[in-house]
Amino acid sequence: MSSRGAHGGVSVGPDGATHQGLEDLFAMCGLPNMAMSVPCDAIETRKTTDYFLLEHVGRKYIRFAREATPIVTKDDTPFVFGEANVIRLRCKAEKMVDAFDTVLASDHKNEHEDLSIIACGPMVSEAMRAAYILRQEFGYETRVINIHTMKPIDVEAIERAAKETEVVITAKEHQIGALAWRVSGILTECPELYGVPVTTGAMGVNDRFGDSGAPWELIKEFEVSAEHIVQKAAELITITKVKKREEKVEMAR
């Protein structure tokens, strides 16, 4: 069985609530033996489609936006179904894709980033914009994790992000739970994180139906834009730093 979610997320735009798939990931993730991908742009969508048609045997589902989505990958960008990519801001460039490096999560060396943003679909480009703003405005370094494969999800990449950055934010243009709850479950079940303080936050549609509007208007209306991610990130990092200072003071007594 194969299927596609061609109207996924709030970016569908003017068609509104009747056409915006904001709950499909709940359903599809819950189906046994279902392989599911949420590619971030047209290039990654093609790679996923090729894999599903030519290599994968079994149930499969692709979720993507209908409207134009920023191109943030290249033909030679690493892509392995089931393994996340790590995206790091390196420089200023005319095109977003040229300002970032992308590697397989298993090849990423810890750069002691201040936080991780775990995103999928069109929210990957918003997470990348957030990474740029966080560096420019706050001096924070961000590990953006592209979860193009929702099922099976890359557990190791998520666990490493939590251990190495200690601040984790999920970002999805879908009802909040689909990605956030899965990530939270992984962190809860990881023995290596027992006793390790990890600050988490979730960006997504907050328990409401869709609405009509231009895609750029809707990501702000639903509070899932890069600017909203930045605000959440700054709050969580501040909270984490305050707690660490309090712990040091307490230990010194």
Foldseek 3Di string as FASTA:
>chain_A
DEEEAAAEFQQLFAVKQVNYAQCVLVVQVPDPPEWEFFAAADLRVVVVVCCCVPPDDDHYYYYAHNDHAADQDDNPADDDAQWKKKKWAQDDDPHLNVRIDIDTLVPDDQPLFQAEEEEEYSLLVQQSVLQVCCCVPPVGTYIYIYQRILVVTRLVSLCCRCVRNLEYEYAYSHAFCSPVVVSVVSLVPDPVCVVPRHHYYYQYQHPDTIGHHRSVVRCVVSQRGSVSVNVVSVVRSVVVVVVVVVVVVVVVD
